[in-house]
Amino acid sequence: MNPAQLLLRYQALADRESRLRESIESTEQRLASDPVVAEKEEAVASAQQAREAVAVRLRDSDREREAHRSRLRTRERELMSGRIRNPTELMQMSNEVAHMKAAFAQEEDAELALMEEAETADQSLKAAQDELDAARREAAAGEPALREELEEWRAELADVEAEKSSVWDQVPAR
């Protein structure tokens, strides 16, 4: 081979070496952390945060509702106790109790909506967890093939490096 052909061959081997190194690096990164699995882990974390946020809102709503229930019972007992003899005060207290009951009913409806939202968040979390588990199983199933492919590329890379070195040794110094 003349020097130009040797240099052309050397360049082709260098290009092949570069492509093999890129393939090896991307496969090693995929084996270290599968992007699909990482995406599913983020989805699970997001669903978990959403579920926790709804649970906090539900607990807060429950505390408020119980406080209002307690005030309502107190006012109802006071109304029914017979201590208040003034008809105007009785009417005012009766109206107040009626408004408290209406507000309490609205709070219960809001809490039911929050419970439905919590159930939806739980279902979303379960679906995300199922998808993550499936992605992990799929990644684990594909890992042996990737490792085999990686070893083949490493062996080919060693051959290319050896051939490239051999070709370079044949190129005249000038």
N, C-alpha and C. Protein backbone atom coordinates (compact mmCIF):
# COMPACT_ATOMS: atom_id res chain seq x y z
N MET A 1 0.84 -1.17 0.00
CA MET A 1 0.00 0.00 0.00
C MET A 1 0.89 1.25 0.00
N ASN A 2 0.44 2.22 -0.72
CA ASN A 2 1.21 3.46 -0.73
C ASN A 2 0.84 4.29 0.50
N PRO A 3 1.62 5.32 0.83
CA PRO A 3 1.37 6.11 2.05
C PRO A 3 -0.03 6.73 2.08
N ALA A 4 -0.56 7.18 0.98
CA ALA A 4 -1.89 7.79 0.96
C ALA A 4 -2.95 6.76 1.34
N GLN A 5 -2.82 5.55 0.79
CA GLN A 5 -3.77 4.49 1.12
C GLN A 5 -3.65 4.10 2.59
N LEU A 6 -2.43 4.06 3.10
CA LEU A 6 -2.22 3.74 4.52
C LEU A 6 -2.88 4.80 5.41
N LEU A 7 -2.69 6.07 5.05
CA LEU A 7 -3.29 7.15 5.84
C LEU A 7 -4.82 7.11 5.75
N LEU A 8 -5.34 6.79 4.56
CA LEU A 8 -6.78 6.67 4.40
C LEU A 8 -7.32 5.51 5.26
N ARG A 9 -6.60 4.40 5.25
CA ARG A 9 -6.99 3.25 6.07
C ARG A 9 -6.92 3.62 7.55
N TYR A 10 -5.87 4.35 7.94
CA TYR A 10 -5.70 4.78 9.32
C TYR A 10 -6.89 5.67 9.74
N GLN A 11 -7.28 6.58 8.85
CA GLN A 11 -8.41 7.47 9.15
C GLN A 11 -9.71 6.67 9.31
N ALA A 12 -9.92 5.70 8.45
CA ALA A 12 -11.12 4.87 8.55
C ALA A 12 -11.14 4.10 9.88
N LEU A 13 -9.98 3.59 10.27
CA LEU A 13 -9.90 2.88 11.55
C LEU A 13 -10.13 3.83 12.74
N ALA A 14 -9.60 5.05 12.63
CA ALA A 14 -9.81 6.04 13.69
C ALA A 14 -11.30 6.39 13.80
N ASP A 15 -11.99 6.52 12.67
CA ASP A 15 -13.42 6.80 12.69
C ASP A 15 -14.19 5.64 13.34
N ARG A 16 -13.81 4.44 12.96
CA ARG A 16 -14.46 3.25 13.54
C ARG A 16 -14.21 3.19 15.04
N GLU A 17 -13.00 3.51 15.45
CA GLU A 17 -12.66 3.52 16.88
C GLU A 17 -13.54 4.54 17.62
N SER A 18 -13.71 5.70 17.04
CA SER A 18 -14.52 6.75 17.65
C SER A 18 -15.97 6.29 17.81
N ARG A 19 -16.53 5.69 16.76
CA ARG A 19 -17.91 5.20 16.84
C ARG A 19 -18.06 4.10 17.89
N LEU A 20 -17.07 3.21 17.96
CA LEU A 20 -17.12 2.14 18.95
C LEU A 20 -17.06 2.71 20.37
N ARG A 21 -16.19 3.69 20.59
CA ARG A 21 -16.08 4.31 21.92
C ARG A 21 -17.41 4.98 22.31
N GLU A 22 -18.05 5.66 21.36
CA GLU A 22 -19.34 6.29 21.64
C GLU A 22 -20.40 5.24 21.98
N SER A 23 -20.42 4.15 21.22
CA SER A 23 -21.38 3.07 21.49
C SER A 23 -21.13 2.44 22.85
N ILE A 24 -19.87 2.22 23.17
CA ILE A 24 -19.52 1.64 24.47
C ILE A 24 -19.94 2.57 25.59
N GLU A 25 -19.66 3.85 25.45
CA GLU A 25 -20.01 4.82 26.49
C GLU A 25 -21.52 4.91 26.69
N SER A 26 -22.27 4.99 25.58
CA SER A 26 -23.73 5.10 25.73
C SER A 26 -24.31 3.83 26.34
N THR A 27 -23.78 2.67 25.97
CA THR A 27 -24.28 1.41 26.54
C THR A 27 -23.93 1.32 28.02
N GLU A 28 -22.73 1.76 28.39
CA GLU A 28 -22.36 1.74 29.81
C GLU A 28 -23.26 2.68 30.61
N GLN A 29 -23.58 3.84 30.04
CA GLN A 29 -24.48 4.76 30.73
C GLN A 29 -25.87 4.16 30.86
N ARG A 30 -26.32 3.49 29.83
CA ARG A 30 -27.64 2.87 29.89
C ARG A 30 -27.68 1.75 30.91
N LEU A 31 -26.57 0.99 31.00
CA LEU A 31 -26.52 -0.07 32.01
C LEU A 31 -26.48 0.53 33.42
N ALA A 32 -25.80 1.67 33.56
CA ALA A 32 -25.72 2.32 34.87
C ALA A 32 -27.08 2.88 35.28
N SER A 33 -27.77 3.51 34.34
CA SER A 33 -29.07 4.12 34.64
C SER A 33 -29.89 4.18 33.37
N ASP A 34 -30.85 3.30 33.27
CA ASP A 34 -31.72 3.25 32.10
C ASP A 34 -32.59 4.51 32.07
N PRO A 35 -32.59 5.27 30.96
CA PRO A 35 -33.36 6.51 30.91
C PRO A 35 -34.87 6.29 31.08
N VAL A 36 -35.38 5.19 30.60
CA VAL A 36 -36.81 4.91 30.76
C VAL A 36 -37.14 4.69 32.23
N VAL A 37 -36.27 3.94 32.92
CA VAL A 37 -36.48 3.69 34.34
C VAL A 37 -36.37 5.00 35.12
N ALA A 38 -35.39 5.83 34.77
CA ALA A 38 -35.24 7.13 35.45
C ALA A 38 -36.48 8.00 35.25
N GLU A 39 -37.02 7.98 34.05
CA GLU A 39 -38.24 8.76 33.76
C GLU A 39 -39.41 8.25 34.59
N LYS A 40 -39.52 6.93 34.69
CA LYS A 40 -40.62 6.34 35.48
C LYS A 40 -40.44 6.63 36.97
N GLU A 41 -39.17 6.65 37.44
CA GLU A 41 -38.91 6.98 38.85
C GLU A 41 -39.34 8.41 39.14
N GLU A 42 -39.07 9.32 38.20
CA GLU A 42 -39.51 10.71 38.37
C GLU A 42 -41.03 10.80 38.40
N ALA A 43 -41.69 10.02 37.56
CA ALA A 43 -43.16 10.02 37.55
C ALA A 43 -43.71 9.50 38.88
N VAL A 44 -43.08 8.47 39.44
CA VAL A 44 -43.52 7.94 40.73
C VAL A 44 -43.31 9.00 41.82
N ALA A 45 -42.16 9.66 41.80
CA ALA A 45 -41.90 10.70 42.80
C ALA A 45 -42.92 11.83 42.69
N SER A 46 -43.24 12.21 41.48
CA SER A 46 -44.23 13.27 41.26
C SER A 46 -45.61 12.84 41.77
N ALA A 47 -46.00 11.61 41.48
CA ALA A 47 -47.30 11.09 41.93
C ALA A 47 -47.32 10.99 43.46
N GLN A 48 -46.19 10.62 44.04
CA GLN A 48 -46.10 10.53 45.50
C GLN A 48 -46.27 11.91 46.13
N GLN A 49 -45.64 12.92 45.54
CA GLN A 49 -45.77 14.28 46.06
C GLN A 49 -47.22 14.77 45.94
N ALA A 50 -47.84 14.48 44.82
CA ALA A 50 -49.24 14.89 44.63
C ALA A 50 -50.14 14.22 45.66
N ARG A 51 -49.89 12.95 45.91
CA ARG A 51 -50.68 12.19 46.88
C ARG A 51 -50.49 12.77 48.28
N GLU A 52 -49.26 13.09 48.63
CA GLU A 52 -48.98 13.66 49.95
C GLU A 52 -49.63 15.03 50.11
N ALA A 53 -49.61 15.83 49.04
CA ALA A 53 -50.23 17.16 49.10
C ALA A 53 -51.73 17.03 49.34
N VAL A 54 -52.37 16.10 48.67
CA VAL A 54 -53.81 15.89 48.86
C VAL A 54 -54.08 15.38 50.27
N ALA A 55 -53.21 14.50 50.77
CA ALA A 55 -53.40 13.96 52.12
C ALA A 55 -53.29 15.08 53.17
N VAL A 56 -52.37 16.01 52.96
CA VAL A 56 -52.24 17.14 53.89
C VAL A 56 -53.50 18.00 53.85
N ARG A 57 -53.98 18.29 52.65
CA ARG A 57 -55.20 19.09 52.52
C ARG A 57 -56.39 18.38 53.18
N LEU A 58 -56.45 17.07 53.02
CA LEU A 58 -57.54 16.28 53.60
C LEU A 58 -57.47 16.31 55.13
N ARG A 59 -56.28 16.17 55.69
CA ARG A 59 -56.13 16.24 57.15
C ARG A 59 -56.53 17.62 57.67
N ASP A 60 -56.08 18.66 56.97
CA ASP A 60 -56.45 20.02 57.39
C ASP A 60 -57.97 20.22 57.33
N SER A 61 -58.56 19.75 56.27
CA SER A 61 -60.02 19.87 56.11
C SER A 61 -60.73 19.11 57.21
N ASP A 62 -60.23 17.95 57.54
CA ASP A 62 -60.85 17.13 58.59
C ASP A 62 -60.77 17.84 59.94
N ARG A 63 -59.62 18.43 60.24
CA ARG A 63 -59.48 19.17 61.50
C ARG A 63 -60.45 20.35 61.56
N GLU A 64 -60.54 21.10 60.48
CA GLU A 64 -61.47 22.24 60.43
C GLU A 64 -62.92 21.78 60.58
N ARG A 65 -63.25 20.73 59.90
CA ARG A 65 -64.62 20.22 59.95
C ARG A 65 -64.97 19.76 61.36
N GLU A 66 -64.03 19.08 62.03
CA GLU A 66 -64.29 18.63 63.39
C GLU A 66 -64.42 19.81 64.35
N ALA A 67 -63.62 20.86 64.13
CA ALA A 67 -63.73 22.06 64.98
C ALA A 67 -65.10 22.72 64.77
N HIS A 68 -65.55 22.79 63.51
CA HIS A 68 -66.86 23.37 63.23
C HIS A 68 -67.99 22.50 63.80
N ARG A 69 -67.80 21.19 63.73
CA ARG A 69 -68.81 20.27 64.28
C ARG A 69 -68.94 20.50 65.79
N SER A 70 -67.81 20.67 66.44
CA SER A 70 -67.81 20.90 67.88
C SER A 70 -68.53 22.21 68.23
N ARG A 71 -68.22 23.28 67.48
CA ARG A 71 -68.89 24.56 67.72
C ARG A 71 -70.40 24.44 67.46
N LEU A 72 -70.75 23.72 66.39
CA LEU A 72 -72.17 23.55 66.06
C LEU A 72 -72.90 22.81 67.19
N ARG A 73 -72.31 21.76 67.71
CA ARG A 73 -72.95 21.00 68.80
C ARG A 73 -73.11 21.86 70.05
N THR A 74 -72.08 22.64 70.31
CA THR A 74 -72.15 23.53 71.48
C THR A 74 -73.30 24.51 71.34
N ARG A 75 -73.40 25.12 70.16
CA ARG A 75 -74.47 26.10 69.93
C ARG A 75 -75.85 25.42 69.96
N GLU A 76 -75.95 24.22 69.43
CA GLU A 76 -77.24 23.50 69.46
C GLU A 76 -77.64 23.17 70.89
N ARG A 77 -76.67 22.72 71.72
CA ARG A 77 -76.98 22.43 73.12
C ARG A 77 -77.43 23.70 73.85
N GLU A 78 -76.74 24.79 73.55
CA GLU A 78 -77.10 26.06 74.16
C GLU A 78 -78.51 26.48 73.75
N LEU A 79 -78.82 26.27 72.47
CA LEU A 79 -80.15 26.63 71.96
C LEU A 79 -81.23 25.79 72.63
N MET A 80 -80.96 24.50 72.81
CA MET A 80 -81.96 23.59 73.36
C MET A 80 -81.96 23.55 74.89
N SER A 81 -81.03 24.21 75.52
CA SER A 81 -80.93 24.13 76.98
C SER A 81 -82.08 24.81 77.70
N GLY A 82 -82.69 25.80 77.08
CA GLY A 82 -83.80 26.50 77.71
C GLY A 82 -83.32 27.67 78.55
N ARG A 83 -82.06 27.94 78.59
CA ARG A 83 -81.55 29.06 79.36
C ARG A 83 -81.93 30.40 78.73
N ILE A 84 -82.03 30.42 77.40
CA ILE A 84 -82.35 31.66 76.72
C ILE A 84 -83.87 31.76 76.62
N ARG A 85 -84.40 32.83 77.21
CA ARG A 85 -85.84 33.01 77.25
C ARG A 85 -86.29 34.11 76.30
N ASN A 86 -85.40 34.93 75.88
CA ASN A 86 -85.73 36.05 75.00
C ASN A 86 -86.00 35.50 73.59
N PRO A 87 -87.18 35.73 73.01
CA PRO A 87 -87.50 35.20 71.68
C PRO A 87 -86.57 35.74 70.59
N THR A 88 -86.14 36.98 70.70
CA THR A 88 -85.25 37.53 69.68
C THR A 88 -83.91 36.81 69.70
N GLU A 89 -83.38 36.59 70.90
CA GLU A 89 -82.11 35.86 71.02
C GLU A 89 -82.27 34.44 70.52
N LEU A 90 -83.39 33.81 70.83
CA LEU A 90 -83.64 32.44 70.35
C LEU A 90 -83.67 32.40 68.83
N MET A 91 -84.32 33.37 68.21
CA MET A 91 -84.37 33.43 66.74
C MET A 91 -82.97 33.63 66.16
N GLN A 92 -82.22 34.54 66.76
CA GLN A 92 -80.86 34.79 66.27
C GLN A 92 -80.00 33.54 66.39
N MET A 93 -80.09 32.88 67.53
CA MET A 93 -79.29 31.68 67.72
C MET A 93 -79.76 30.57 66.79
N SER A 94 -81.05 30.46 66.58
CA SER A 94 -81.59 29.46 65.66
C SER A 94 -81.08 29.71 64.24
N ASN A 95 -81.09 30.97 63.81
CA ASN A 95 -80.55 31.31 62.49
C ASN A 95 -79.05 31.00 62.41
N GLU A 96 -78.34 31.31 63.48
CA GLU A 96 -76.90 31.03 63.51
C GLU A 96 -76.64 29.53 63.38
N VAL A 97 -77.39 28.73 64.09
CA VAL A 97 -77.24 27.27 64.02
C VAL A 97 -77.58 26.78 62.61
N ALA A 98 -78.62 27.36 62.01
CA ALA A 98 -79.00 26.96 60.65
C ALA A 98 -77.87 27.28 59.67
N HIS A 99 -77.27 28.45 59.81
CA HIS A 99 -76.14 28.82 58.94
C HIS A 99 -74.93 27.91 59.18
N MET A 100 -74.70 27.60 60.45
CA MET A 100 -73.59 26.70 60.76
C MET A 100 -73.81 25.31 60.15
N LYS A 101 -75.06 24.84 60.19
CA LYS A 101 -75.37 23.53 59.59
C LYS A 101 -75.15 23.56 58.08
N ALA A 102 -75.56 24.65 57.45
CA ALA A 102 -75.37 24.77 55.99
C ALA A 102 -73.88 24.82 55.65
N ALA A 103 -73.13 25.59 56.43
CA ALA A 103 -71.69 25.67 56.19
C ALA A 103 -71.03 24.32 56.43
N PHE A 104 -71.50 23.60 57.47
CA PHE A 104 -70.95 22.29 57.77
C PHE A 104 -71.23 21.30 56.63
N ALA A 105 -72.41 21.38 56.07
CA ALA A 105 -72.76 20.51 54.94
C ALA A 105 -71.85 20.80 53.74
N GLN A 106 -71.56 22.08 53.49
CA GLN A 106 -70.65 22.43 52.40
C GLN A 106 -69.25 21.90 52.68
N GLU A 107 -68.80 21.99 53.93
CA GLU A 107 -67.49 21.46 54.29
C GLU A 107 -67.42 19.95 54.08
N GLU A 108 -68.51 19.27 54.41
CA GLU A 108 -68.54 17.82 54.20
C GLU A 108 -68.48 17.49 52.71
N ASP A 109 -69.18 18.26 51.89
CA ASP A 109 -69.12 18.05 50.44
C ASP A 109 -67.71 18.29 49.91
N ALA A 110 -67.07 19.35 50.43
CA ALA A 110 -65.70 19.66 50.01
C ALA A 110 -64.76 18.54 50.44
N GLU A 111 -65.00 17.99 51.63
CA GLU A 111 -64.14 16.90 52.10
C GLU A 111 -64.35 15.64 51.25
N LEU A 112 -65.58 15.39 50.85
CA LEU A 112 -65.83 14.25 49.95
C LEU A 112 -65.08 14.43 48.63
N ALA A 113 -65.08 15.65 48.11
CA ALA A 113 -64.34 15.92 46.88
C ALA A 113 -62.85 15.69 47.10
N LEU A 114 -62.34 16.10 48.25
CA LEU A 114 -60.93 15.86 48.56
C LEU A 114 -60.64 14.36 48.67
N MET A 115 -61.57 13.63 49.26
CA MET A 115 -61.39 12.18 49.36
C MET A 115 -61.33 11.54 47.98
N GLU A 116 -62.18 12.01 47.07
CA GLU A 116 -62.15 11.50 45.70
C GLU A 116 -60.82 11.85 45.03
N GLU A 117 -60.36 13.08 45.29
CA GLU A 117 -59.07 13.50 44.74
C GLU A 117 -57.93 12.64 45.31
N ALA A 118 -58.02 12.30 46.59
CA ALA A 118 -57.01 11.44 47.22
C ALA A 118 -57.03 10.05 46.60
N GLU A 119 -58.23 9.56 46.33
CA GLU A 119 -58.35 8.24 45.71
C GLU A 119 -57.75 8.25 44.30
N THR A 120 -58.01 9.32 43.57
CA THR A 120 -57.44 9.46 42.23
C THR A 120 -55.91 9.53 42.31
N ALA A 121 -55.40 10.26 43.29
CA ALA A 121 -53.95 10.37 43.47
C ALA A 121 -53.35 9.01 43.82
N ASP A 122 -54.05 8.23 44.64
CA ASP A 122 -53.58 6.88 44.98
C ASP A 122 -53.54 6.00 43.74
N GLN A 123 -54.57 6.11 42.91
CA GLN A 123 -54.61 5.31 41.69
C GLN A 123 -53.49 5.73 40.74
N SER A 124 -53.23 7.02 40.64
CA SER A 124 -52.15 7.51 39.78
C SER A 124 -50.80 7.01 40.28
N LEU A 125 -50.62 7.03 41.59
CA LEU A 125 -49.37 6.53 42.17
C LEU A 125 -49.20 5.05 41.89
N LYS A 126 -50.28 4.29 42.05
CA LYS A 126 -50.19 2.85 41.79
C LYS A 126 -49.87 2.57 40.32
N ALA A 127 -50.51 3.32 39.43
CA ALA A 127 -50.23 3.14 38.00
C ALA A 127 -48.78 3.50 37.68
N ALA A 128 -48.29 4.59 38.26
CA ALA A 128 -46.89 4.99 38.02
C ALA A 128 -45.94 3.95 38.59
N GLN A 129 -46.26 3.40 39.75
CA GLN A 129 -45.41 2.36 40.35
C GLN A 129 -45.42 1.10 39.50
N ASP A 130 -46.58 0.74 38.96
CA ASP A 130 -46.66 -0.43 38.08
C ASP A 130 -45.83 -0.23 36.82
N GLU A 131 -45.90 0.99 36.25
CA GLU A 131 -45.09 1.28 35.06
C GLU A 131 -43.61 1.22 35.38
N LEU A 132 -43.23 1.72 36.56
CA LEU A 132 -41.82 1.67 36.97
C LEU A 132 -41.36 0.23 37.12
N ASP A 133 -42.19 -0.59 37.76
CA ASP A 133 -41.83 -2.00 37.93
C ASP A 133 -41.67 -2.69 36.58
N ALA A 134 -42.57 -2.40 35.65
CA ALA A 134 -42.47 -2.99 34.31
C ALA A 134 -41.21 -2.52 33.60
N ALA A 135 -40.89 -1.23 33.72
CA ALA A 135 -39.68 -0.70 33.08
C ALA A 135 -38.43 -1.34 33.69
N ARG A 136 -38.44 -1.55 35.00
CA ARG A 136 -37.29 -2.19 35.65
C ARG A 136 -37.15 -3.64 35.19
N ARG A 137 -38.28 -4.34 35.08
CA ARG A 137 -38.22 -5.73 34.59
C ARG A 137 -37.69 -5.78 33.16
N GLU A 138 -38.18 -4.86 32.34
CA GLU A 138 -37.73 -4.81 30.95
C GLU A 138 -36.24 -4.49 30.87
N ALA A 139 -35.78 -3.56 31.69
CA ALA A 139 -34.36 -3.20 31.69
C ALA A 139 -33.52 -4.38 32.16
N ALA A 140 -34.01 -5.09 33.18
CA ALA A 140 -33.28 -6.25 33.68
C ALA A 140 -33.24 -7.37 32.64
N ALA A 141 -34.33 -7.51 31.89
CA ALA A 141 -34.38 -8.55 30.86
C ALA A 141 -33.43 -8.22 29.70
N GLY A 142 -33.27 -6.95 29.39
CA GLY A 142 -32.40 -6.55 28.28
C GLY A 142 -30.95 -6.40 28.67
N GLU A 143 -30.65 -6.42 29.97
CA GLU A 143 -29.28 -6.20 30.42
C GLU A 143 -28.28 -7.25 29.93
N PRO A 144 -28.59 -8.54 29.97
CA PRO A 144 -27.61 -9.52 29.48
C PRO A 144 -27.23 -9.29 28.01
N ALA A 145 -28.20 -8.95 27.18
CA ALA A 145 -27.92 -8.71 25.76
C ALA A 145 -27.03 -7.46 25.62
N LEU A 146 -27.32 -6.44 26.41
CA LEU A 146 -26.49 -5.23 26.35
C LEU A 146 -25.06 -5.52 26.81
N ARG A 147 -24.92 -6.31 27.85
CA ARG A 147 -23.57 -6.64 28.34
C ARG A 147 -22.80 -7.46 27.29
N GLU A 148 -23.52 -8.36 26.64
CA GLU A 148 -22.88 -9.17 25.59
C GLU A 148 -22.44 -8.27 24.43
N GLU A 149 -23.32 -7.37 24.04
CA GLU A 149 -23.00 -6.42 22.96
C GLU A 149 -21.83 -5.54 23.36
N LEU A 150 -21.81 -5.12 24.61
CA LEU A 150 -20.73 -4.28 25.12
C LEU A 150 -19.39 -5.01 25.05
N GLU A 151 -19.39 -6.26 25.43
CA GLU A 151 -18.14 -7.05 25.37
C GLU A 151 -17.68 -7.24 23.93
N GLU A 152 -18.63 -7.43 23.02
CA GLU A 152 -18.27 -7.57 21.60
C GLU A 152 -17.63 -6.27 21.10
N TRP A 153 -18.21 -5.14 21.48
CA TRP A 153 -17.66 -3.85 21.05
C TRP A 153 -16.28 -3.62 21.63
N ARG A 154 -16.09 -4.02 22.88
CA ARG A 154 -14.77 -3.85 23.50
C ARG A 154 -13.72 -4.69 22.79
N ALA A 155 -14.10 -5.92 22.44
CA ALA A 155 -13.18 -6.79 21.72
C ALA A 155 -12.87 -6.20 20.34
N GLU A 156 -13.91 -5.71 19.66
CA GLU A 156 -13.71 -5.10 18.35
C GLU A 156 -12.85 -3.84 18.48
N LEU A 157 -13.05 -3.09 19.53
CA LEU A 157 -12.26 -1.88 19.76
C LEU A 157 -10.79 -2.24 19.94
N ALA A 158 -10.52 -3.29 20.69
CA ALA A 158 -9.13 -3.73 20.87
C ALA A 158 -8.51 -4.12 19.53
N ASP A 159 -9.29 -4.83 18.69
CA ASP A 159 -8.79 -5.22 17.36
C ASP A 159 -8.53 -3.98 16.49
N VAL A 160 -9.45 -3.03 16.53
CA VAL A 160 -9.30 -1.81 15.73
C VAL A 160 -8.08 -1.02 16.19
N GLU A 161 -7.88 -0.92 17.51
CA GLU A 161 -6.72 -0.20 18.03
C GLU A 161 -5.42 -0.87 17.59
N ALA A 162 -5.40 -2.21 17.64
CA ALA A 162 -4.21 -2.94 17.23
C ALA A 162 -3.94 -2.73 15.74
N GLU A 163 -4.98 -2.85 14.92
CA GLU A 163 -4.83 -2.66 13.48
C GLU A 163 -4.43 -1.23 13.17
N LYS A 164 -5.01 -0.28 13.87
CA LYS A 164 -4.68 1.13 13.66
C LYS A 164 -3.21 1.38 13.98
N SER A 165 -2.74 0.79 15.05
CA SER A 165 -1.33 0.93 15.43
C SER A 165 -0.43 0.29 14.39
N SER A 166 -0.86 -0.86 13.88
CA SER A 166 -0.08 -1.56 12.84
C SER A 166 0.00 -0.72 11.56
N VAL A 167 -1.12 -0.14 11.17
CA VAL A 167 -1.15 0.70 9.96
C VAL A 167 -0.27 1.92 10.17
N TRP A 168 -0.33 2.52 11.33
CA TRP A 168 0.48 3.71 11.60
C TRP A 168 1.97 3.38 11.53
N ASP A 169 2.34 2.20 12.01
CA ASP A 169 3.75 1.79 11.96
C ASP A 169 4.22 1.63 10.52
N GLN A 170 3.31 1.33 9.59
CA GLN A 170 3.67 1.14 8.18
C GLN A 170 3.78 2.46 7.43
N VAL A 171 3.21 3.54 7.97
CA VAL A 171 3.27 4.84 7.30
C VAL A 171 4.71 5.37 7.38
N PRO A 172 5.28 5.75 6.23
CA PRO A 172 6.67 6.26 6.24
C PRO A 172 6.75 7.54 7.07
N ALA A 173 7.89 7.76 7.68
CA ALA A 173 8.10 8.87 8.60
C ALA A 173 7.92 10.23 7.93
N ARG A 174 8.24 10.36 6.70
CA ARG A 174 8.12 11.65 6.04
C ARG A 174 6.69 11.92 5.76
